[in-house]
Amino acid sequence: MSGNDGFQLLQLATNALLSSADVTPCPTLLWSIQYEQRADTEIVVLPTHASDHALLFPPVPLDLASVDSVLDHVKGAWRRIMGDEDGEFLVFADRETYDDDE
């Protein structure tokens, strides 16, 4: 589903998942992100009350190839969310290697 109907269904599913946890207190959602990918290049006008809490990404091709410029936009959004903290973008700790032959 697209638009608000899809977002509401996703929120209901998330709430159902969180409430299914058998722990006290019941887990709550700390942060969420929603997006809708569009095949057209129409400009989306955000409501004025959402401008501080919404990030708008430029359209990308809908083919299966990965476009490196998308990561540049994601990094910009990450920096906006994280602020001036000294974090590193997309840096992951090395995983332990497991040898199945042992």
PDB file of N, CA and C in Angstrom:
ATOM      1  N   MET A   1       0.838  -1.182   0.000  1.00  0.00           N
ATOM      2  CA  MET A   1       0.000   0.000   0.000  1.00  0.00           C
ATOM      3  C   MET A   1       0.879   1.239   0.000  1.00  0.00           C
ATOM      4  N   SER A   2       0.423   2.233  -0.631  1.00  0.00           N
ATOM      5  CA  SER A   2       1.193   3.463  -0.672  1.00  0.00           C
ATOM      6  C   SER A   2       0.524   4.534   0.188  1.00  0.00           C
ATOM      7  N   GLY A   3       1.280   5.570   0.454  1.00  0.00           N
ATOM      8  CA  GLY A   3       0.753   6.720   1.182  1.00  0.00           C
ATOM      9  C   GLY A   3       0.435   6.440   2.632  1.00  0.00           C
ATOM     10  N   ASN A   4      -0.470   7.237   3.169  1.00  0.00           N
ATOM     11  CA  ASN A   4      -0.798   7.156   4.594  1.00  0.00           C
ATOM     12  C   ASN A   4      -1.382   5.810   4.996  1.00  0.00           C
ATOM     13  N   ASP A   5      -2.136   5.156   4.097  1.00  0.00           N
ATOM     14  CA  ASP A   5      -2.702   3.843   4.428  1.00  0.00           C
ATOM     15  C   ASP A   5      -1.592   2.839   4.709  1.00  0.00           C
ATOM     16  N   GLY A   6      -0.568   2.846   3.882  1.00  0.00           N
ATOM     17  CA  GLY A   6       0.555   1.944   4.090  1.00  0.00           C
ATOM     18  C   GLY A   6       1.327   2.272   5.357  1.00  0.00           C
ATOM     19  N   PHE A   7       1.523   3.559   5.617  1.00  0.00           N
ATOM     20  CA  PHE A   7       2.234   3.972   6.821  1.00  0.00           C
ATOM     21  C   PHE A   7       1.461   3.563   8.082  1.00  0.00           C
ATOM     22  N   GLN A   8       0.132   3.731   8.049  1.00  0.00           N
ATOM     23  CA  GLN A   8      -0.689   3.350   9.201  1.00  0.00           C
ATOM     24  C   GLN A   8      -0.651   1.841   9.416  1.00  0.00           C
ATOM     25  N   LEU A   9      -0.691   1.057   8.336  1.00  0.00           N
ATOM     26  CA  LEU A   9      -0.621  -0.398   8.461  1.00  0.00           C
ATOM     27  C   LEU A   9       0.725  -0.828   9.029  1.00  0.00           C
ATOM     28  N   LEU A  10       1.789  -0.187   8.583  1.00  0.00           N
ATOM     29  CA  LEU A  10       3.118  -0.481   9.121  1.00  0.00           C
ATOM     30  C   LEU A  10       3.199  -0.143  10.609  1.00  0.00           C
ATOM     31  N   GLN A  11       2.608   0.979  11.000  1.00  0.00           N
ATOM     32  CA  GLN A  11       2.609   1.364  12.410  1.00  0.00           C
ATOM     33  C   GLN A  11       1.816   0.356  13.258  1.00  0.00           C
ATOM     34  N   LEU A  12       0.680  -0.112  12.755  1.00  0.00           N
ATOM     35  CA  LEU A  12      -0.098  -1.120  13.478  1.00  0.00           C
ATOM     36  C   LEU A  12       0.700  -2.413  13.641  1.00  0.00           C
ATOM     37  N   ALA A  13       1.400  -2.821  12.580  1.00  0.00           N
ATOM     38  CA  ALA A  13       2.210  -4.039  12.647  1.00  0.00           C
ATOM     39  C   ALA A  13       3.355  -3.879  13.646  1.00  0.00           C
ATOM     40  N   THR A  14       3.981  -2.713  13.642  1.00  0.00           N
ATOM     41  CA  THR A  14       5.078  -2.458  14.579  1.00  0.00           C
ATOM     42  C   THR A  14       4.572  -2.482  16.016  1.00  0.00           C
ATOM     43  N   ASN A  15       3.442  -1.847  16.258  1.00  0.00           N
ATOM     44  CA  ASN A  15       2.862  -1.840  17.610  1.00  0.00           C
ATOM     45  C   ASN A  15       2.486  -3.253  18.055  1.00  0.00           C
ATOM     46  N   ALA A  16       1.947  -4.061  17.140  1.00  0.00           N
ATOM     47  CA  ALA A  16       1.589  -5.438  17.475  1.00  0.00           C
ATOM     48  C   ALA A  16       2.836  -6.244  17.820  1.00  0.00           C
ATOM     49  N   LEU A  17       3.907  -6.037  17.058  1.00  0.00           N
ATOM     50  CA  LEU A  17       5.156  -6.739  17.344  1.00  0.00           C
ATOM     51  C   LEU A  17       5.701  -6.357  18.715  1.00  0.00           C
ATOM     52  N   LEU A  18       5.725  -5.065  19.011  1.00  0.00           N
ATOM     53  CA  LEU A  18       6.242  -4.606  20.302  1.00  0.00           C
ATOM     54  C   LEU A  18       5.389  -5.113  21.467  1.00  0.00           C
ATOM     55  N   SER A  19       4.078  -5.116  21.282  1.00  0.00           N
ATOM     56  CA  SER A  19       3.209  -5.561  22.377  1.00  0.00           C
ATOM     57  C   SER A  19       3.252  -7.067  22.564  1.00  0.00           C
ATOM     58  N   SER A  20       3.767  -7.810  21.587  1.00  0.00           N
ATOM     59  CA  SER A  20       3.846  -9.268  21.725  1.00  0.00           C
ATOM     60  C   SER A  20       5.020  -9.707  22.600  1.00  0.00           C
ATOM     61  N   ALA A  21       5.931  -8.803  22.897  1.00  0.00           N
ATOM     62  CA  ALA A  21       7.072  -9.143  23.749  1.00  0.00           C
ATOM     63  C   ALA A  21       6.583  -9.388  25.172  1.00  0.00           C
ATOM     64  N   ASP A  22       7.028 -10.478  25.751  1.00  0.00           N
ATOM     65  CA  ASP A  22       6.596 -10.855  27.097  1.00  0.00           C
ATOM     66  C   ASP A  22       7.568 -10.298  28.135  1.00  0.00           C
ATOM     67  N   VAL A  23       7.643  -8.966  28.188  1.00  0.00           N
ATOM     68  CA  VAL A  23       8.524  -8.281  29.133  1.00  0.00           C
ATOM     69  C   VAL A  23       7.782  -7.102  29.750  1.00  0.00           C
ATOM     70  N   THR A  24       8.251  -6.713  30.915  1.00  0.00           N
ATOM     71  CA  THR A  24       7.683  -5.532  31.574  1.00  0.00           C
ATOM     72  C   THR A  24       8.814  -4.567  31.853  1.00  0.00           C
ATOM     73  N   PRO A  25       8.708  -3.331  31.515  1.00  0.00           N
ATOM     74  CA  PRO A  25       7.610  -2.697  30.801  1.00  0.00           C
ATOM     75  C   PRO A  25       7.614  -3.083  29.326  1.00  0.00           C
ATOM     76  N   CYS A  26       6.485  -2.876  28.695  1.00  0.00           N
ATOM     77  CA  CYS A  26       6.331  -3.187  27.275  1.00  0.00           C
ATOM     78  C   CYS A  26       7.282  -2.300  26.459  1.00  0.00           C
ATOM     79  N   PRO A  27       7.988  -2.856  25.485  1.00  0.00           N
ATOM     80  CA  PRO A  27       8.909  -2.038  24.684  1.00  0.00           C
ATOM     81  C   PRO A  27       8.158  -0.940  23.933  1.00  0.00           C
ATOM     82  N   THR A  28       8.837   0.173  23.737  1.00  0.00           N
ATOM     83  CA  THR A  28       8.253   1.275  22.977  1.00  0.00           C
ATOM     84  C   THR A  28       9.183   1.654  21.834  1.00  0.00           C
ATOM     85  N   LEU A  29       8.633   2.273  20.859  1.00  0.00           N
ATOM     86  CA  LEU A  29       9.385   2.711  19.696  1.00  0.00           C
ATOM     87  C   LEU A  29      10.153   3.980  20.052  1.00  0.00           C
ATOM     88  N   LEU A  30      11.453   3.967  19.832  1.00  0.00           N
ATOM     89  CA  LEU A  30      12.272   5.139  20.150  1.00  0.00           C
ATOM     90  C   LEU A  30      12.412   6.089  18.974  1.00  0.00           C
ATOM     91  N   TRP A  31      12.461   5.537  17.760  1.00  0.00           N
ATOM     92  CA  TRP A  31      12.697   6.361  16.579  1.00  0.00           C
ATOM     93  C   TRP A  31      12.145   5.615  15.381  1.00  0.00           C
ATOM     94  N   SER A  32      11.628   6.311  14.401  1.00  0.00           N
ATOM     95  CA  SER A  32      11.129   5.637  13.203  1.00  0.00           C
ATOM     96  C   SER A  32      11.407   6.498  11.980  1.00  0.00           C
ATOM     97  N   ILE A  33      11.365   5.852  10.846  1.00  0.00           N
ATOM     98  CA  ILE A  33      11.534   6.537   9.572  1.00  0.00           C
ATOM     99  C   ILE A  33      10.534   5.946   8.592  1.00  0.00           C
ATOM    100  N   GLN A  34       9.980   6.763   7.759  1.00  0.00           N
ATOM    101  CA  GLN A  34       9.044   6.312   6.734  1.00  0.00           C
ATOM    102  C   GLN A  34       9.446   6.941   5.414  1.00  0.00           C
ATOM    103  N   TYR A  35       9.299   6.179   4.354  1.00  0.00           N
ATOM    104  CA  TYR A  35       9.544   6.749   3.044  1.00  0.00           C
ATOM    105  C   TYR A  35       8.663   6.065   2.027  1.00  0.00           C
ATOM    106  N   GLU A  36       8.432   6.744   0.951  1.00  0.00           N
ATOM    107  CA  GLU A  36       7.677   6.192  -0.162  1.00  0.00           C
ATOM    108  C   GLU A  36       8.469   6.478  -1.427  1.00  0.00           C
ATOM    109  N   GLN A  37       8.820   5.431  -2.130  1.00  0.00           N
ATOM    110  CA  GLN A  37       9.577   5.601  -3.355  1.00  0.00           C
ATOM    111  C   GLN A  37       8.594   5.860  -4.487  1.00  0.00           C
ATOM    112  N   ARG A  38       8.861   6.874  -5.256  1.00  0.00           N
ATOM    113  CA  ARG A  38       7.981   7.244  -6.359  1.00  0.00           C
ATOM    114  C   ARG A  38       8.722   7.113  -7.679  1.00  0.00           C
ATOM    115  N   ALA A  39       7.995   6.692  -8.684  1.00  0.00           N
ATOM    116  CA  ALA A  39       8.585   6.508 -10.003  1.00  0.00           C
ATOM    117  C   ALA A  39       8.629   7.810 -10.795  1.00  0.00           C
ATOM    118  N   ASP A  40       7.997   8.833 -10.314  1.00  0.00           N
ATOM    119  CA  ASP A  40       7.986  10.095 -11.055  1.00  0.00           C
ATOM    120  C   ASP A  40       8.920  11.105 -10.399  1.00  0.00           C
ATOM    121  N   THR A  41       9.090  12.218 -11.033  1.00  0.00           N
ATOM    122  CA  THR A  41      10.001  13.237 -10.512  1.00  0.00           C
ATOM    123  C   THR A  41       9.239  14.446  -9.974  1.00  0.00           C
ATOM    124  N   GLU A  42       7.961  14.252  -9.656  1.00  0.00           N
ATOM    125  CA  GLU A  42       7.197  15.382  -9.137  1.00  0.00           C
ATOM    126  C   GLU A  42       7.809  15.878  -7.843  1.00  0.00           C
ATOM    127  N   ILE A  43       7.741  17.170  -7.630  1.00  0.00           N
ATOM    128  CA  ILE A  43       8.295  17.768  -6.415  1.00  0.00           C
ATOM    129  C   ILE A  43       7.270  17.625  -5.298  1.00  0.00           C
ATOM    130  N   VAL A  44       7.702  17.132  -4.185  1.00  0.00           N
ATOM    131  CA  VAL A  44       6.820  16.947  -3.035  1.00  0.00           C
ATOM    132  C   VAL A  44       6.951  18.163  -2.136  1.00  0.00           C
ATOM    133  N   VAL A  45       5.839  18.780  -1.828  1.00  0.00           N
ATOM    134  CA  VAL A  45       5.841  19.926  -0.932  1.00  0.00           C
ATOM    135  C   VAL A  45       5.492  19.423   0.452  1.00  0.00           C
ATOM    136  N   LEU A  46       6.387  19.643   1.386  1.00  0.00           N
ATOM    137  CA  LEU A  46       6.170  19.198   2.754  1.00  0.00           C
ATOM    138  C   LEU A  46       5.346  20.220   3.518  1.00  0.00           C
ATOM    139  N   PRO A  47       4.483  19.758   4.418  1.00  0.00           N
ATOM    140  CA  PRO A  47       3.764  20.704   5.269  1.00  0.00           C
ATOM    141  C   PRO A  47       4.754  21.529   6.083  1.00  0.00           C
ATOM    142  N   THR A  48       4.418  22.777   6.349  1.00  0.00           N
ATOM    143  CA  THR A  48       5.343  23.651   7.066  1.00  0.00           C
ATOM    144  C   THR A  48       5.665  23.133   8.456  1.00  0.00           C
ATOM    145  N   HIS A  49       4.719  22.448   9.110  1.00  0.00           N
ATOM    146  CA  HIS A  49       4.980  21.934  10.458  1.00  0.00           C
ATOM    147  C   HIS A  49       5.906  20.733  10.445  1.00  0.00           C
ATOM    148  N   ALA A  50       6.137  20.110   9.279  1.00  0.00           N
ATOM    149  CA  ALA A  50       6.983  18.909   9.214  1.00  0.00           C
ATOM    150  C   ALA A  50       8.399  19.213   8.748  1.00  0.00           C
ATOM    151  N   SER A  51       8.681  20.449   8.389  1.00  0.00           N
ATOM    152  CA  SER A  51       9.970  20.757   7.767  1.00  0.00           C
ATOM    153  C   SER A  51      11.167  20.479   8.679  1.00  0.00           C
ATOM    154  N   ASP A  52      11.017  20.616   9.978  1.00  0.00           N
ATOM    155  CA  ASP A  52      12.124  20.342  10.892  1.00  0.00           C
ATOM    156  C   ASP A  52      12.302  18.851  11.160  1.00  0.00           C
ATOM    157  N   HIS A  53      11.308  18.058  10.816  1.00  0.00           N
ATOM    158  CA  HIS A  53      11.342  16.641  11.141  1.00  0.00           C
ATOM    159  C   HIS A  53      11.291  15.756   9.905  1.00  0.00           C
ATOM    160  N   ALA A  54      11.447  16.334   8.741  1.00  0.00           N
ATOM    161  CA  ALA A  54      11.380  15.546   7.508  1.00  0.00           C
ATOM    162  C   ALA A  54      12.590  15.865   6.643  1.00  0.00           C
ATOM    163  N   LEU A  55      13.136  14.835   6.050  1.00  0.00           N
ATOM    164  CA  LEU A  55      14.262  14.978   5.140  1.00  0.00           C
ATOM    165  C   LEU A  55      13.793  14.533   3.759  1.00  0.00           C
ATOM    166  N   LEU A  56      14.065  15.315   2.755  1.00  0.00           N
ATOM    167  CA  LEU A  56      13.611  15.011   1.407  1.00  0.00           C
ATOM    168  C   LEU A  56      14.812  14.630   0.557  1.00  0.00           C
ATOM    169  N   PHE A  57      14.755  13.448  -0.048  1.00  0.00           N
ATOM    170  CA  PHE A  57      15.823  12.960  -0.900  1.00  0.00           C
ATOM    171  C   PHE A  57      15.429  13.159  -2.358  1.00  0.00           C
ATOM    172  N   PRO A  58      16.394  13.450  -3.218  1.00  0.00           N
ATOM    173  CA  PRO A  58      16.075  13.577  -4.639  1.00  0.00           C
ATOM    174  C   PRO A  58      15.721  12.211  -5.217  1.00  0.00           C
ATOM    175  N   PRO A  59      14.967  12.187  -6.315  1.00  0.00           N
ATOM    176  CA  PRO A  59      14.599  10.897  -6.909  1.00  0.00           C
ATOM    177  C   PRO A  59      15.820  10.147  -7.423  1.00  0.00           C
ATOM    178  N   VAL A  60      15.744   8.827  -7.379  1.00  0.00           N
ATOM    179  CA  VAL A  60      16.815   7.968  -7.882  1.00  0.00           C
ATOM    180  C   VAL A  60      16.217   7.031  -8.924  1.00  0.00           C
ATOM    181  N   PRO A  61      17.059   6.486  -9.794  1.00  0.00           N
ATOM    182  CA  PRO A  61      16.542   5.527 -10.776  1.00  0.00           C
ATOM    183  C   PRO A  61      15.931   4.312 -10.071  1.00  0.00           C
ATOM    184  N   LEU A  62      14.892   3.728 -10.664  1.00  0.00           N
ATOM    185  CA  LEU A  62      14.216   2.598 -10.050  1.00  0.00           C
ATOM    186  C   LEU A  62      14.766   1.258 -10.528  1.00  0.00           C
ATOM    187  N   ASP A  63      15.878   1.267 -11.250  1.00  0.00           N
ATOM    188  CA  ASP A  63      16.456   0.001 -11.693  1.00  0.00           C
ATOM    189  C   ASP A  63      17.172  -0.678 -10.530  1.00  0.00           C
ATOM    190  N   LEU A  64      17.685  -1.864 -10.751  1.00  0.00           N
ATOM    191  CA  LEU A  64      18.291  -2.640  -9.677  1.00  0.00           C
ATOM    192  C   LEU A  64      19.717  -2.222  -9.356  1.00  0.00           C
ATOM    193  N   ALA A  65      20.314  -1.405 -10.199  1.00  0.00           N
ATOM    194  CA  ALA A  65      21.691  -0.975  -9.950  1.00  0.00           C
ATOM    195  C   ALA A  65      21.733  -0.011  -8.772  1.00  0.00           C
ATOM    196  N   SER A  66      22.770  -0.136  -7.968  1.00  0.00           N
ATOM    197  CA  SER A  66      22.947   0.757  -6.833  1.00  0.00           C
ATOM    198  C   SER A  66      23.594   2.049  -7.316  1.00  0.00           C
ATOM    199  N   VAL A  67      23.060   3.149  -6.878  1.00  0.00           N
ATOM    200  CA  VAL A  67      23.591   4.452  -7.258  1.00  0.00           C
ATOM    201  C   VAL A  67      24.375   4.999  -6.074  1.00  0.00           C
ATOM    202  N   ASP A  68      25.680   5.206  -6.263  1.00  0.00           N
ATOM    203  CA  ASP A  68      26.528   5.660  -5.164  1.00  0.00           C
ATOM    204  C   ASP A  68      26.101   6.999  -4.593  1.00  0.00           C
ATOM    205  N   SER A  69      25.512   7.858  -5.418  1.00  0.00           N
ATOM    206  CA  SER A  69      25.112   9.176  -4.930  1.00  0.00           C
ATOM    207  C   SER A  69      24.032   9.078  -3.856  1.00  0.00           C
ATOM    208  N   VAL A  70      23.286   7.972  -3.834  1.00  0.00           N
ATOM    209  CA  VAL A  70      22.265   7.783  -2.797  1.00  0.00           C
ATOM    210  C   VAL A  70      22.920   7.781  -1.422  1.00  0.00           C
ATOM    211  N   LEU A  71      24.080   7.132  -1.307  1.00  0.00           N
ATOM    212  CA  LEU A  71      24.773   7.093  -0.019  1.00  0.00           C
ATOM    213  C   LEU A  71      25.221   8.480   0.424  1.00  0.00           C
ATOM    214  N   ASP A  72      25.554   9.341  -0.526  1.00  0.00           N
ATOM    215  CA  ASP A  72      25.921  10.720  -0.167  1.00  0.00           C
ATOM    216  C   ASP A  72      24.741  11.429   0.490  1.00  0.00           C
ATOM    217  N   HIS A  73      23.536  11.221  -0.059  1.00  0.00           N
ATOM    218  CA  HIS A  73      22.345  11.847   0.517  1.00  0.00           C
ATOM    219  C   HIS A  73      21.999  11.233   1.871  1.00  0.00           C
ATOM    220  N   VAL A  74      22.173   9.912   1.987  1.00  0.00           N
ATOM    221  CA  VAL A  74      21.918   9.243   3.265  1.00  0.00           C
ATOM    222  C   VAL A  74      22.912   9.728   4.310  1.00  0.00           C
ATOM    223  N   LYS A  75      24.174   9.901   3.914  1.00  0.00           N
ATOM    224  CA  LYS A  75      25.183  10.392   4.848  1.00  0.00           C
ATOM    225  C   LYS A  75      24.826  11.801   5.325  1.00  0.00           C
ATOM    226  N   GLY A  76      24.345  12.643   4.422  1.00  0.00           N
ATOM    227  CA  GLY A  76      23.925  13.981   4.815  1.00  0.00           C
ATOM    228  C   GLY A  76      22.781  13.949   5.817  1.00  0.00           C
ATOM    229  N   ALA A  77      21.827  13.047   5.596  1.00  0.00           N
ATOM    230  CA  ALA A  77      20.711  12.905   6.534  1.00  0.00           C
ATOM    231  C   ALA A  77      21.209  12.373   7.873  1.00  0.00           C
ATOM    232  N   TRP A  78      22.139  11.409   7.825  1.00  0.00           N
ATOM    233  CA  TRP A  78      22.712  10.833   9.050  1.00  0.00           C
ATOM    234  C   TRP A  78      23.410  11.922   9.862  1.00  0.00           C
ATOM    235  N   ARG A  79      24.178  12.766   9.187  1.00  0.00           N
ATOM    236  CA  ARG A  79      24.872  13.860   9.890  1.00  0.00           C
ATOM    237  C   ARG A  79      23.871  14.851  10.489  1.00  0.00           C
ATOM    238  N   ARG A  80      22.773  15.096   9.770  1.00  0.00           N
ATOM    239  CA  ARG A  80      21.760  16.021  10.290  1.00  0.00           C
ATOM    240  C   ARG A  80      21.106  15.445  11.550  1.00  0.00           C
ATOM    241  N   ILE A  81      20.873  14.142  11.550  1.00  0.00           N
ATOM    242  CA  ILE A  81      20.245  13.494  12.696  1.00  0.00           C
ATOM    243  C   ILE A  81      21.221  13.397  13.866  1.00  0.00           C
ATOM    244  N   MET A  82      22.461  13.009  13.576  1.00  0.00           N
ATOM    245  CA  MET A  82      23.454  12.798  14.619  1.00  0.00           C
ATOM    246  C   MET A  82      24.062  14.097  15.136  1.00  0.00           C
ATOM    247  N   GLY A  83      23.989  15.156  14.379  1.00  0.00           N
ATOM    248  CA  GLY A  83      24.582  16.420  14.793  1.00  0.00           C
ATOM    249  C   GLY A  83      26.087  16.403  14.579  1.00  0.00           C
ATOM    250  N   ASP A  84      26.801  17.150  15.382  1.00  0.00           N
ATOM    251  CA  ASP A  84      28.246  17.278  15.224  1.00  0.00           C
ATOM    252  C   ASP A  84      29.029  16.243  16.028  1.00  0.00           C
ATOM    253  N   GLU A  85      28.371  15.161  16.419  1.00  0.00           N
ATOM    254  CA  GLU A  85      29.074  14.131  17.173  1.00  0.00           C
ATOM    255  C   GLU A  85      30.154  13.502  16.312  1.00  0.00           C
ATOM    256  N   ASP A  86      31.148  12.929  16.950  1.00  0.00           N
ATOM    257  CA  ASP A  86      32.281  12.339  16.255  1.00  0.00           C
ATOM    258  C   ASP A  86      32.020  10.903  15.824  1.00  0.00           C
ATOM    259  N   GLY A  87      30.876  10.626  15.254  1.00  0.00           N
ATOM    260  CA  GLY A  87      30.570   9.274  14.805  1.00  0.00           C
ATOM    261  C   GLY A  87      31.079   9.043  13.396  1.00  0.00           C
ATOM    262  N   GLU A  88      31.185   7.774  13.042  1.00  0.00           N
ATOM    263  CA  GLU A  88      31.626   7.432  11.701  1.00  0.00           C
ATOM    264  C   GLU A  88      30.472   6.800  10.959  1.00  0.00           C
ATOM    265  N   PHE A  89      30.274   7.227   9.737  1.00  0.00           N
ATOM    266  CA  PHE A  89      29.167   6.765   8.907  1.00  0.00           C
ATOM    267  C   PHE A  89      29.519   5.443   8.229  1.00  0.00           C
ATOM    268  N   LEU A  90      28.655   4.457   8.391  1.00  0.00           N
ATOM    269  CA  LEU A  90      28.805   3.140   7.769  1.00  0.00           C
ATOM    270  C   LEU A  90      30.142   2.475   8.077  1.00  0.00           C
ATOM    271  N   VAL A  91      30.565   2.560   9.317  1.00  0.00           N
ATOM    272  CA  VAL A  91      31.766   1.860   9.753  1.00  0.00           C
ATOM    273  C   VAL A  91      31.301   0.766  10.706  1.00  0.00           C
ATOM    274  N   PHE A  92      31.607  -0.468  10.350  1.00  0.00           N
ATOM    275  CA  PHE A  92      31.137  -1.605  11.119  1.00  0.00           C
ATOM    276  C   PHE A  92      32.323  -2.330  11.746  1.00  0.00           C
ATOM    277  N   ALA A  93      32.116  -2.849  12.926  1.00  0.00           N
ATOM    278  CA  ALA A  93      33.158  -3.626  13.593  1.00  0.00           C
ATOM    279  C   ALA A  93      33.351  -4.944  12.842  1.00  0.00           C
ATOM    280  N   ASP A  94      34.579  -5.426  12.831  1.00  0.00           N
ATOM    281  CA  ASP A  94      34.865  -6.704  12.196  1.00  0.00           C
ATOM    282  C   ASP A  94      34.129  -7.810  12.932  1.00  0.00           C
ATOM    283  N   ARG A  95      33.607  -8.743  12.151  1.00  0.00           N
ATOM    284  CA  ARG A  95      32.949  -9.902  12.746  1.00  0.00           C
ATOM    285  C   ARG A  95      33.990 -10.956  13.058  1.00  0.00           C
ATOM    286  N   GLU A  96      33.684 -11.738  14.048  1.00  0.00           N
ATOM    287  CA  GLU A  96      34.572 -12.857  14.350  1.00  0.00           C
ATOM    288  C   GLU A  96      34.482 -13.862  13.202  1.00  0.00           C
ATOM    289  N   THR A  97      35.602 -14.457  12.852  1.00  0.00           N
ATOM    290  CA  THR A  97      35.582 -15.459  11.805  1.00  0.00           C
ATOM    291  C   THR A  97      35.321 -16.832  12.428  1.00  0.00           C
ATOM    292  N   TYR A  98      34.492 -17.585  11.792  1.00  0.00           N
ATOM    293  CA  TYR A  98      34.153 -18.908  12.261  1.00  0.00           C
ATOM    294  C   TYR A  98      34.630 -19.920  11.221  1.00  0.00           C
ATOM    295  N   ASP A  99      35.303 -20.915  11.683  1.00  0.00           N
ATOM    296  CA  ASP A  99      35.813 -21.940  10.778  1.00  0.00           C
ATOM    297  C   ASP A  99      34.980 -23.202  10.985  1.00  0.00           C
ATOM    298  N   ASP A 100      34.204 -23.568   9.971  1.00  0.00           N
ATOM    299  CA  ASP A 100      33.336 -24.735  10.082  1.00  0.00           C
ATOM    300  C   ASP A 100      34.096 -26.052  10.030  1.00  0.00           C
ATOM    301  N   ASP A 101      35.392 -26.002   9.659  1.00  0.00           N
ATOM    302  CA  ASP A 101      36.169 -27.238   9.522  1.00  0.00           C
ATOM    303  C   ASP A 101      36.646 -27.788  10.859  1.00  0.00           C
ATOM    304  N   GLU A 102      36.529 -27.026  11.914  1.00  0.00           N
ATOM    305  CA  GLU A 102      37.031 -27.472  13.214  1.00  0.00           C
ATOM    306  C   GLU A 102      36.061 -28.399  13.896  1.00  0.00           C
TER     307      GLU A 102
END
